[in-house]
Amino acid sequence: MKKLISCEFNMDTACVELRYTDGTLLSIDCTEVEYEVAHTVKQRSALDYLIYNAPLEYAELILNGGIYRYFLNL
């Protein structure tokens, strides 16, 4: 993968999509992530906020495995 050129939430697929300059499209299924890692209403709300307002930060948390540390700081 090369340089990231866009990161946005696609409401039609419920995925955060990351596009790179080499044509790679990485799609994160937000419904699956929420099902696997968010077990409380507070955690789901925090993920929803990130998805809509900061999709890049959401993707970084998921891809780098920092989601559990993020939940500890809620």
N, C-alpha and C. Protein backbone atom coordinates (compact mmCIF):
# COMPACT_ATOMS: atom_id res chain seq x y z
N MET A 1 0.84 -1.18 0.00
CA MET A 1 0.00 0.00 0.00
C MET A 1 0.88 1.24 0.00
N LYS A 2 0.43 2.21 -0.70
CA LYS A 2 1.14 3.48 -0.78
C LYS A 2 0.51 4.49 0.18
N LYS A 3 0.49 5.71 -0.23
CA LYS A 3 -0.03 6.80 0.59
C LYS A 3 -1.57 6.78 0.61
N LEU A 4 -2.13 7.04 1.79
CA LEU A 4 -3.58 7.11 1.96
C LEU A 4 -4.10 8.38 1.29
N ILE A 5 -5.13 8.24 0.45
CA ILE A 5 -5.69 9.43 -0.21
C ILE A 5 -7.09 9.79 0.29
N SER A 6 -7.82 8.80 0.85
CA SER A 6 -9.13 9.14 1.42
C SER A 6 -9.54 8.10 2.44
N CYS A 7 -10.35 8.56 3.37
CA CYS A 7 -10.91 7.69 4.40
C CYS A 7 -12.29 8.25 4.73
N GLU A 8 -13.31 7.42 4.50
CA GLU A 8 -14.67 7.89 4.76
C GLU A 8 -15.58 6.73 5.12
N PHE A 9 -16.67 7.06 5.79
CA PHE A 9 -17.68 6.06 6.14
C PHE A 9 -18.68 5.98 5.00
N ASN A 10 -18.91 4.77 4.50
CA ASN A 10 -19.89 4.53 3.45
C ASN A 10 -21.17 4.02 4.11
N MET A 11 -22.21 4.83 4.12
CA MET A 11 -23.47 4.47 4.78
C MET A 11 -24.17 3.31 4.09
N ASP A 12 -23.95 3.16 2.79
CA ASP A 12 -24.61 2.08 2.06
C ASP A 12 -24.10 0.70 2.46
N THR A 13 -22.82 0.61 2.79
CA THR A 13 -22.23 -0.68 3.14
C THR A 13 -21.92 -0.80 4.63
N ALA A 14 -22.07 0.28 5.38
CA ALA A 14 -21.73 0.33 6.81
C ALA A 14 -20.26 0.00 7.03
N CYS A 15 -19.41 0.51 6.14
CA CYS A 15 -17.97 0.27 6.21
C CYS A 15 -17.20 1.57 6.17
N VAL A 16 -16.07 1.59 6.89
CA VAL A 16 -15.12 2.68 6.73
C VAL A 16 -14.17 2.24 5.63
N GLU A 17 -14.04 3.06 4.60
CA GLU A 17 -13.23 2.70 3.44
C GLU A 17 -12.00 3.59 3.35
N LEU A 18 -10.86 2.95 3.22
CA LEU A 18 -9.59 3.65 3.07
C LEU A 18 -9.07 3.40 1.66
N ARG A 19 -8.75 4.46 0.93
CA ARG A 19 -8.23 4.35 -0.44
C ARG A 19 -6.79 4.84 -0.46
N TYR A 20 -5.96 4.07 -1.17
CA TYR A 20 -4.53 4.37 -1.27
C TYR A 20 -4.16 4.70 -2.71
N THR A 21 -3.04 5.37 -2.88
CA THR A 21 -2.62 5.82 -4.21
C THR A 21 -2.34 4.67 -5.17
N ASP A 22 -2.02 3.48 -4.67
CA ASP A 22 -1.76 2.35 -5.57
C ASP A 22 -3.03 1.62 -5.98
N GLY A 23 -4.21 2.16 -5.61
CA GLY A 23 -5.48 1.57 -6.00
C GLY A 23 -6.07 0.64 -4.96
N THR A 24 -5.37 0.38 -3.88
CA THR A 24 -5.87 -0.50 -2.84
C THR A 24 -7.05 0.15 -2.13
N LEU A 25 -8.10 -0.64 -1.89
CA LEU A 25 -9.25 -0.21 -1.12
C LEU A 25 -9.38 -1.15 0.06
N LEU A 26 -9.27 -0.61 1.24
CA LEU A 26 -9.42 -1.38 2.48
C LEU A 26 -10.76 -0.99 3.09
N SER A 27 -11.59 -1.98 3.34
CA SER A 27 -12.93 -1.73 3.86
C SER A 27 -13.08 -2.41 5.22
N ILE A 28 -13.45 -1.63 6.24
CA ILE A 28 -13.65 -2.16 7.59
C ILE A 28 -15.15 -2.22 7.85
N ASP A 29 -15.66 -3.42 8.07
CA ASP A 29 -17.08 -3.63 8.34
C ASP A 29 -17.38 -3.20 9.78
N CYS A 30 -18.00 -2.06 9.93
CA CYS A 30 -18.24 -1.48 11.26
C CYS A 30 -19.22 -2.30 12.08
N THR A 31 -20.18 -2.95 11.42
CA THR A 31 -21.14 -3.78 12.14
C THR A 31 -20.44 -4.97 12.78
N GLU A 32 -19.54 -5.60 12.06
CA GLU A 32 -18.78 -6.74 12.60
C GLU A 32 -17.87 -6.30 13.74
N VAL A 33 -17.20 -5.17 13.56
CA VAL A 33 -16.31 -4.67 14.61
C VAL A 33 -17.10 -4.41 15.87
N GLU A 34 -18.24 -3.74 15.73
CA GLU A 34 -19.08 -3.43 16.89
C GLU A 34 -19.54 -4.71 17.58
N TYR A 35 -19.92 -5.71 16.80
CA TYR A 35 -20.37 -6.98 17.35
C TYR A 35 -19.26 -7.67 18.13
N GLU A 36 -18.02 -7.60 17.63
CA GLU A 36 -16.90 -8.31 18.25
C GLU A 36 -16.31 -7.60 19.46
N VAL A 37 -16.24 -6.26 19.43
CA VAL A 37 -15.48 -5.57 20.49
C VAL A 37 -16.30 -4.69 21.42
N ALA A 38 -17.45 -4.22 20.98
CA ALA A 38 -18.23 -3.30 21.81
C ALA A 38 -19.33 -4.07 22.53
N HIS A 39 -19.22 -4.15 23.86
CA HIS A 39 -20.16 -4.95 24.62
C HIS A 39 -21.10 -4.12 25.50
N THR A 40 -20.90 -2.81 25.53
CA THR A 40 -21.78 -1.95 26.31
C THR A 40 -22.31 -0.83 25.42
N VAL A 41 -23.35 -0.20 25.87
CA VAL A 41 -23.93 0.93 25.13
C VAL A 41 -22.91 2.06 25.02
N LYS A 42 -22.15 2.29 26.07
CA LYS A 42 -21.15 3.35 26.06
C LYS A 42 -20.07 3.08 25.00
N GLN A 43 -19.63 1.84 24.90
CA GLN A 43 -18.63 1.49 23.90
C GLN A 43 -19.19 1.63 22.49
N ARG A 44 -20.42 1.20 22.28
CA ARG A 44 -21.04 1.33 20.96
C ARG A 44 -21.21 2.80 20.58
N SER A 45 -21.59 3.61 21.54
CA SER A 45 -21.75 5.05 21.28
C SER A 45 -20.41 5.69 20.91
N ALA A 46 -19.36 5.28 21.61
CA ALA A 46 -18.03 5.82 21.31
C ALA A 46 -17.59 5.43 19.90
N LEU A 47 -17.85 4.19 19.51
CA LEU A 47 -17.50 3.76 18.16
C LEU A 47 -18.32 4.50 17.11
N ASP A 48 -19.61 4.67 17.37
CA ASP A 48 -20.46 5.41 16.44
C ASP A 48 -19.98 6.84 16.25
N TYR A 49 -19.59 7.48 17.35
CA TYR A 49 -19.07 8.84 17.25
C TYR A 49 -17.85 8.88 16.33
N LEU A 50 -16.92 7.96 16.54
CA LEU A 50 -15.71 7.92 15.71
C LEU A 50 -16.03 7.64 14.25
N ILE A 51 -16.92 6.71 14.01
CA ILE A 51 -17.27 6.35 12.63
C ILE A 51 -17.76 7.57 11.86
N TYR A 52 -18.65 8.34 12.47
CA TYR A 52 -19.24 9.48 11.77
C TYR A 52 -18.39 10.73 11.79
N ASN A 53 -17.61 10.94 12.85
CA ASN A 53 -16.89 12.19 13.01
C ASN A 53 -15.38 12.09 12.81
N ALA A 54 -14.82 10.91 12.96
CA ALA A 54 -13.37 10.75 12.82
C ALA A 54 -13.07 9.35 12.28
N PRO A 55 -13.47 9.07 11.02
CA PRO A 55 -13.27 7.72 10.49
C PRO A 55 -11.81 7.29 10.40
N LEU A 56 -10.89 8.22 10.19
CA LEU A 56 -9.48 7.86 10.14
C LEU A 56 -8.98 7.38 11.50
N GLU A 57 -9.36 8.07 12.56
CA GLU A 57 -8.98 7.66 13.90
C GLU A 57 -9.60 6.30 14.24
N TYR A 58 -10.84 6.09 13.80
CA TYR A 58 -11.50 4.79 14.00
C TYR A 58 -10.69 3.70 13.31
N ALA A 59 -10.34 3.91 12.05
CA ALA A 59 -9.57 2.91 11.30
C ALA A 59 -8.23 2.64 11.95
N GLU A 60 -7.56 3.67 12.42
CA GLU A 60 -6.26 3.48 13.09
C GLU A 60 -6.41 2.65 14.36
N LEU A 61 -7.46 2.89 15.14
CA LEU A 61 -7.69 2.11 16.35
C LEU A 61 -7.93 0.64 16.03
N ILE A 62 -8.71 0.38 15.01
CA ILE A 62 -9.03 -0.99 14.64
C ILE A 62 -7.81 -1.69 14.06
N LEU A 63 -7.14 -1.05 13.13
CA LEU A 63 -6.01 -1.69 12.44
C LEU A 63 -4.78 -1.86 13.32
N ASN A 64 -4.61 -0.97 14.28
CA ASN A 64 -3.43 -1.05 15.15
C ASN A 64 -3.70 -1.77 16.47
N GLY A 65 -4.92 -2.24 16.65
CA GLY A 65 -5.26 -2.97 17.86
C GLY A 65 -5.39 -2.11 19.10
N GLY A 66 -5.62 -0.83 18.95
CA GLY A 66 -5.72 0.07 20.09
C GLY A 66 -7.12 0.27 20.63
N ILE A 67 -8.07 -0.48 20.11
CA ILE A 67 -9.46 -0.25 20.49
C ILE A 67 -9.71 -0.56 21.97
N TYR A 68 -9.06 -1.57 22.51
CA TYR A 68 -9.28 -1.91 23.93
C TYR A 68 -8.69 -0.85 24.85
N ARG A 69 -7.53 -0.31 24.48
CA ARG A 69 -6.96 0.80 25.27
C ARG A 69 -7.86 2.02 25.19
N TYR A 70 -8.47 2.26 24.02
CA TYR A 70 -9.39 3.37 23.86
C TYR A 70 -10.59 3.19 24.79
N PHE A 71 -11.13 1.98 24.89
CA PHE A 71 -12.26 1.72 25.76
C PHE A 71 -11.89 1.91 27.24
N LEU A 72 -10.67 1.62 27.61
CA LEU A 72 -10.25 1.82 29.00
C LEU A 72 -10.28 3.29 29.40
N ASN A 73 -10.11 4.18 28.43
CA ASN A 73 -10.08 5.62 28.70
C ASN A 73 -11.46 6.27 28.63
N LEU A 74 -12.51 5.49 28.39
CA LEU A 74 -13.86 6.07 28.34
C LEU A 74 -14.36 6.43 29.71
